[in-house]
Amino acid sequence: PMGTVIQCVCGKQGWMDAMQGPQDMPPEMVAEMGNQRERDLWFVLTGYQHLKLQALPEESNVEGRPAQAVFVASDRVKNWTIYLDKETHRIVRMDYGDRGITGAPVEAKESFEDYRQVDGIWWPYRHRIAHDDAPLANLTVSSVKVNTGVTADTFKKP
């Protein structure tokens, strides 16, 4: 119903192209996109050495499976906990403080399921998001392509 929406952020600047056409992002939206990037699964997997992690002592349960909880100390993402499947060591859920659609604070839970290997990388093909335990989004990946030749021109504002 909304058509195509493109969002691009580089450093402290960003632009978007939606129904109103290309326009600069307001600074607060750029900041929120930075928060989203910090907790993005790909960023966590490839930039984990920059995260301040602390394993929590108690075993957790995620979707009926034992999981190890890891607290992430972050200035950008509040109350952030990552849950790793005890057997596969893959990320199965992330909990964190966020803002809901109305802008009010919510407790967000992102679940990652149906991992499949793509060019040597395990990637979840199902991703669920809930705010205050109410379903917000269910995403299903149909295919993943790695290094398909995206160029810098892709990110230039039209």
C-alpha atoms as a PDB file:
ATOM      1  CA  PRO A   1       0.000   0.000   0.000  1.00  0.00           C
ATOM      2  CA  MET A   2       2.884   2.425   0.627  1.00  0.00           C
ATOM      3  CA  GLY A   3       4.877   1.601  -2.511  1.00  0.00           C
ATOM      4  CA  THR A   4       8.668   1.618  -2.426  1.00  0.00           C
ATOM      5  CA  VAL A   5      10.503   3.367   0.392  1.00  0.00           C
ATOM      6  CA  ILE A   6      14.278   3.876   0.199  1.00  0.00           C
ATOM      7  CA  GLN A   7      16.279   5.127   3.180  1.00  0.00           C
ATOM      8  CA  CYS A   8      20.001   5.869   3.179  1.00  0.00           C
ATOM      9  CA  VAL A   9      22.161   7.052   6.081  1.00  0.00           C
ATOM     10  CA  CYS A  10      25.860   7.870   5.921  1.00  0.00           C
ATOM     11  CA  GLY A  11      27.378   9.235   9.118  1.00  0.00           C
ATOM     12  CA  LYS A  12      25.233  12.118  10.376  1.00  0.00           C
ATOM     13  CA  GLN A  13      23.350  12.656   7.114  1.00  0.00           C
ATOM     14  CA  GLY A  14      20.518  10.737   5.541  1.00  0.00           C
ATOM     15  CA  TRP A  15      17.883  10.911   2.845  1.00  0.00           C
ATOM     16  CA  MET A  16      14.746   8.996   1.954  1.00  0.00           C
ATOM     17  CA  ASP A  17      12.667   8.515  -1.143  1.00  0.00           C
ATOM     18  CA  ALA A  18       8.998   7.680  -0.590  1.00  0.00           C
ATOM     19  CA  MET A  19       5.604   8.912  -1.784  1.00  0.00           C
ATOM     20  CA  GLN A  20       6.668  12.585  -1.382  1.00  0.00           C
ATOM     21  CA  GLY A  21       9.830  12.071  -3.458  1.00  0.00           C
ATOM     22  CA  PRO A  22      13.488  12.360  -2.375  1.00  0.00           C
ATOM     23  CA  GLN A  23      14.118  14.459   0.738  1.00  0.00           C
ATOM     24  CA  ASP A  24      16.670  14.874   3.516  1.00  0.00           C
ATOM     25  CA  MET A  25      15.990  13.016   6.761  1.00  0.00           C
ATOM     26  CA  PRO A  26      15.466  15.149   9.849  1.00  0.00           C
ATOM     27  CA  PRO A  27      18.390  14.854  12.339  1.00  0.00           C
ATOM     28  CA  GLU A  28      16.299  12.921  14.891  1.00  0.00           C
ATOM     29  CA  MET A  29      15.448  10.309  12.241  1.00  0.00           C
ATOM     30  CA  VAL A  30      19.134   9.966  11.306  1.00  0.00           C
ATOM     31  CA  ALA A  31      19.922   9.423  15.010  1.00  0.00           C
ATOM     32  CA  GLU A  32      17.208   6.744  15.316  1.00  0.00           C
ATOM     33  CA  MET A  33      18.554   5.008  12.199  1.00  0.00           C
ATOM     34  CA  GLY A  34      21.962   4.924  13.943  1.00  0.00           C
ATOM     35  CA  ASN A  35      20.345   3.217  16.937  1.00  0.00           C
ATOM     36  CA  GLN A  36      18.737   0.669  14.608  1.00  0.00           C
ATOM     37  CA  ARG A  37      22.060   0.056  12.868  1.00  0.00           C
ATOM     38  CA  GLU A  38      23.822  -0.670  16.159  1.00  0.00           C
ATOM     39  CA  ARG A  39      21.379  -3.482  16.964  1.00  0.00           C
ATOM     40  CA  ASP A  40      21.089  -4.722  13.362  1.00  0.00           C
ATOM     41  CA  LEU A  41      21.843  -8.452  13.186  1.00  0.00           C
ATOM     42  CA  TRP A  42      24.506  -8.047  10.472  1.00  0.00           C
ATOM     43  CA  PHE A  43      26.217  -5.271  12.451  1.00  0.00           C
ATOM     44  CA  VAL A  44      26.156  -7.409  15.616  1.00  0.00           C
ATOM     45  CA  LEU A  45      27.608 -10.413  13.768  1.00  0.00           C
ATOM     46  CA  THR A  46      30.354  -8.479  11.986  1.00  0.00           C
ATOM     47  CA  GLY A  47      31.080  -5.777  14.590  1.00  0.00           C
ATOM     48  CA  TYR A  48      30.732  -7.736  17.817  1.00  0.00           C
ATOM     49  CA  GLN A  49      34.317  -6.896  18.851  1.00  0.00           C
ATOM     50  CA  HIS A  50      33.176  -3.283  19.380  1.00  0.00           C
ATOM     51  CA  LEU A  51      30.300  -4.289  21.669  1.00  0.00           C
ATOM     52  CA  LYS A  52      30.587  -4.357  25.458  1.00  0.00           C
ATOM     53  CA  LEU A  53      29.225  -7.809  26.307  1.00  0.00           C
ATOM     54  CA  GLN A  54      28.589  -9.528  29.628  1.00  0.00           C
ATOM     55  CA  ALA A  55      27.313 -13.100  29.845  1.00  0.00           C
ATOM     56  CA  LEU A  56      24.471 -13.405  32.348  1.00  0.00           C
ATOM     57  CA  PRO A  57      24.806 -16.292  34.826  1.00  0.00           C
ATOM     58  CA  GLU A  58      21.365 -17.855  34.512  1.00  0.00           C
ATOM     59  CA  GLU A  59      20.288 -20.026  31.595  1.00  0.00           C
ATOM     60  CA  SER A  60      17.311 -18.673  29.653  1.00  0.00           C
ATOM     61  CA  ASN A  61      14.614 -20.289  27.574  1.00  0.00           C
ATOM     62  CA  VAL A  62      13.707 -18.968  24.107  1.00  0.00           C
ATOM     63  CA  GLU A  63      10.901 -20.692  22.226  1.00  0.00           C
ATOM     64  CA  GLY A  64      11.323 -23.820  24.358  1.00  0.00           C
ATOM     65  CA  ARG A  65      15.081 -24.097  23.793  1.00  0.00           C
ATOM     66  CA  PRO A  66      17.890 -23.370  26.260  1.00  0.00           C
ATOM     67  CA  ALA A  67      19.715 -20.119  25.556  1.00  0.00           C
ATOM     68  CA  GLN A  68      22.597 -18.114  26.989  1.00  0.00           C
ATOM     69  CA  ALA A  69      21.694 -14.479  27.710  1.00  0.00           C
ATOM     70  CA  VAL A  70      24.301 -11.783  27.070  1.00  0.00           C
ATOM     71  CA  PHE A  71      23.799  -8.198  28.253  1.00  0.00           C
ATOM     72  CA  VAL A  72      25.064  -5.478  25.896  1.00  0.00           C
ATOM     73  CA  ALA A  73      26.143  -2.179  27.482  1.00  0.00           C
ATOM     74  CA  SER A  74      25.276   0.509  24.946  1.00  0.00           C
ATOM     75  CA  ASP A  75      24.734   4.259  25.021  1.00  0.00           C
ATOM     76  CA  ARG A  76      22.404   3.997  22.006  1.00  0.00           C
ATOM     77  CA  VAL A  77      20.369   0.845  22.727  1.00  0.00           C
ATOM     78  CA  LYS A  78      18.732   0.629  26.158  1.00  0.00           C
ATOM     79  CA  ASN A  79      18.194  -2.596  28.142  1.00  0.00           C
ATOM     80  CA  TRP A  80      19.750  -4.695  25.371  1.00  0.00           C
ATOM     81  CA  THR A  81      20.049  -8.459  25.843  1.00  0.00           C
ATOM     82  CA  ILE A  82      21.077 -10.955  23.161  1.00  0.00           C
ATOM     83  CA  TYR A  83      20.074 -14.624  23.480  1.00  0.00           C
ATOM     84  CA  LEU A  84      22.237 -17.336  21.916  1.00  0.00           C
ATOM     85  CA  ASP A  85      20.967 -20.857  21.298  1.00  0.00           C
ATOM     86  CA  LYS A  86      22.989 -23.091  23.672  1.00  0.00           C
ATOM     87  CA  GLU A  87      23.507 -25.761  20.999  1.00  0.00           C
ATOM     88  CA  THR A  88      24.096 -23.787  17.776  1.00  0.00           C
ATOM     89  CA  HIS A  89      25.360 -20.514  19.353  1.00  0.00           C
ATOM     90  CA  ARG A  90      23.257 -18.555  16.843  1.00  0.00           C
ATOM     91  CA  ILE A  91      21.397 -15.432  17.910  1.00  0.00           C
ATOM     92  CA  VAL A  92      17.771 -16.410  18.470  1.00  0.00           C
ATOM     93  CA  ARG A  93      16.452 -13.228  20.096  1.00  0.00           C
ATOM     94  CA  MET A  94      17.335  -9.693  21.037  1.00  0.00           C
ATOM     95  CA  ASP A  95      15.410  -7.676  23.648  1.00  0.00           C
ATOM     96  CA  TYR A  96      15.848  -3.913  23.989  1.00  0.00           C
ATOM     97  CA  GLY A  97      14.097  -0.685  24.826  1.00  0.00           C
ATOM     98  CA  ASP A  98      12.703   1.092  21.769  1.00  0.00           C
ATOM     99  CA  ARG A  99      10.035   3.548  20.685  1.00  0.00           C
ATOM    100  CA  GLY A 100       6.778   2.207  19.323  1.00  0.00           C
ATOM    101  CA  ILE A 101       4.840   3.473  16.325  1.00  0.00           C
ATOM    102  CA  THR A 102       3.301   6.236  18.440  1.00  0.00           C
ATOM    103  CA  GLY A 103       6.700   7.248  19.832  1.00  0.00           C
ATOM    104  CA  ALA A 104       5.968   5.850  23.303  1.00  0.00           C
ATOM    105  CA  PRO A 105       8.650   3.649  24.951  1.00  0.00           C
ATOM    106  CA  VAL A 106       8.205  -0.099  24.391  1.00  0.00           C
ATOM    107  CA  GLU A 107      10.033  -3.297  25.231  1.00  0.00           C
ATOM    108  CA  ALA A 108      10.994  -4.774  21.859  1.00  0.00           C
ATOM    109  CA  LYS A 109      11.733  -8.428  21.147  1.00  0.00           C
ATOM    110  CA  GLU A 110      13.245  -9.549  17.851  1.00  0.00           C
ATOM    111  CA  SER A 111      13.289 -13.298  17.163  1.00  0.00           C
ATOM    112  CA  PHE A 112      15.453 -14.969  14.503  1.00  0.00           C
ATOM    113  CA  GLU A 113      14.514 -18.401  13.160  1.00  0.00           C
ATOM    114  CA  ASP A 114      15.014 -20.838  10.286  1.00  0.00           C
ATOM    115  CA  TYR A 115      18.740 -20.252   9.854  1.00  0.00           C
ATOM    116  CA  ARG A 116      20.181 -21.382   6.520  1.00  0.00           C
ATOM    117  CA  GLN A 117      23.721 -21.212   5.242  1.00  0.00           C
ATOM    118  CA  VAL A 118      24.424 -18.684   2.474  1.00  0.00           C
ATOM    119  CA  ASP A 119      27.989 -18.504   1.138  1.00  0.00           C
ATOM    120  CA  GLY A 120      29.310 -19.807   4.459  1.00  0.00           C
ATOM    121  CA  ILE A 121      27.177 -17.437   6.582  1.00  0.00           C
ATOM    122  CA  TRP A 122      24.253 -18.667   8.683  1.00  0.00           C
ATOM    123  CA  TRP A 123      21.348 -16.280   8.099  1.00  0.00           C
ATOM    124  CA  PRO A 124      17.806 -16.338   9.564  1.00  0.00           C
ATOM    125  CA  TYR A 125      15.022 -16.620   7.002  1.00  0.00           C
ATOM    126  CA  ARG A 126      12.336 -15.715   9.552  1.00  0.00           C
ATOM    127  CA  HIS A 127      12.401 -12.609  11.719  1.00  0.00           C
ATOM    128  CA  ARG A 128       9.637 -11.621  14.138  1.00  0.00           C
ATOM    129  CA  ILE A 129       9.319  -8.308  15.983  1.00  0.00           C
ATOM    130  CA  ALA A 130       7.054  -7.698  18.978  1.00  0.00           C
ATOM    131  CA  HIS A 131       6.488  -4.534  21.024  1.00  0.00           C
ATOM    132  CA  ASP A 132       5.348  -5.104  24.604  1.00  0.00           C
ATOM    133  CA  ASP A 133       4.699  -8.749  23.640  1.00  0.00           C
ATOM    134  CA  ALA A 134       2.230  -7.734  20.883  1.00  0.00           C
ATOM    135  CA  PRO A 135       3.221  -8.890  17.362  1.00  0.00           C
ATOM    136  CA  LEU A 136       4.407  -5.980  15.214  1.00  0.00           C
ATOM    137  CA  ALA A 137       6.004  -7.613  12.159  1.00  0.00           C
ATOM    138  CA  ASN A 138       6.695 -11.046  10.709  1.00  0.00           C
ATOM    139  CA  LEU A 139       9.344 -11.044   8.007  1.00  0.00           C
ATOM    140  CA  THR A 140      10.191 -13.957   5.744  1.00  0.00           C
ATOM    141  CA  VAL A 141      13.280 -13.930   3.538  1.00  0.00           C
ATOM    142  CA  SER A 142      12.852 -15.591   0.164  1.00  0.00           C
ATOM    143  CA  SER A 143      16.495 -15.362  -0.952  1.00  0.00           C
ATOM    144  CA  VAL A 144      19.839 -13.935   0.115  1.00  0.00           C
ATOM    145  CA  LYS A 145      22.591 -12.855  -2.277  1.00  0.00           C
ATOM    146  CA  VAL A 146      26.036 -11.887  -1.020  1.00  0.00           C
ATOM    147  CA  ASN A 147      28.257  -9.279  -2.729  1.00  0.00           C
ATOM    148  CA  THR A 148      26.112  -8.748  -5.806  1.00  0.00           C
ATOM    149  CA  GLY A 149      27.981  -5.686  -7.046  1.00  0.00           C
ATOM    150  CA  VAL A 150      26.298  -2.844  -5.167  1.00  0.00           C
ATOM    151  CA  THR A 151      28.181   0.361  -6.001  1.00  0.00           C
ATOM    152  CA  ALA A 152      28.467   3.735  -4.246  1.00  0.00           C
ATOM    153  CA  ASP A 153      26.025   5.160  -6.833  1.00  0.00           C
ATOM    154  CA  THR A 154      23.284   3.054  -5.233  1.00  0.00           C
ATOM    155  CA  PHE A 155      23.432   5.349  -2.182  1.00  0.00           C
ATOM    156  CA  LYS A 156      23.395   8.720  -3.993  1.00  0.00           C
ATOM    157  CA  LYS A 157      20.326  10.846  -3.429  1.00  0.00           C
ATOM    158  CA  PRO A 158      18.288  11.064  -6.672  1.00  0.00           C
END
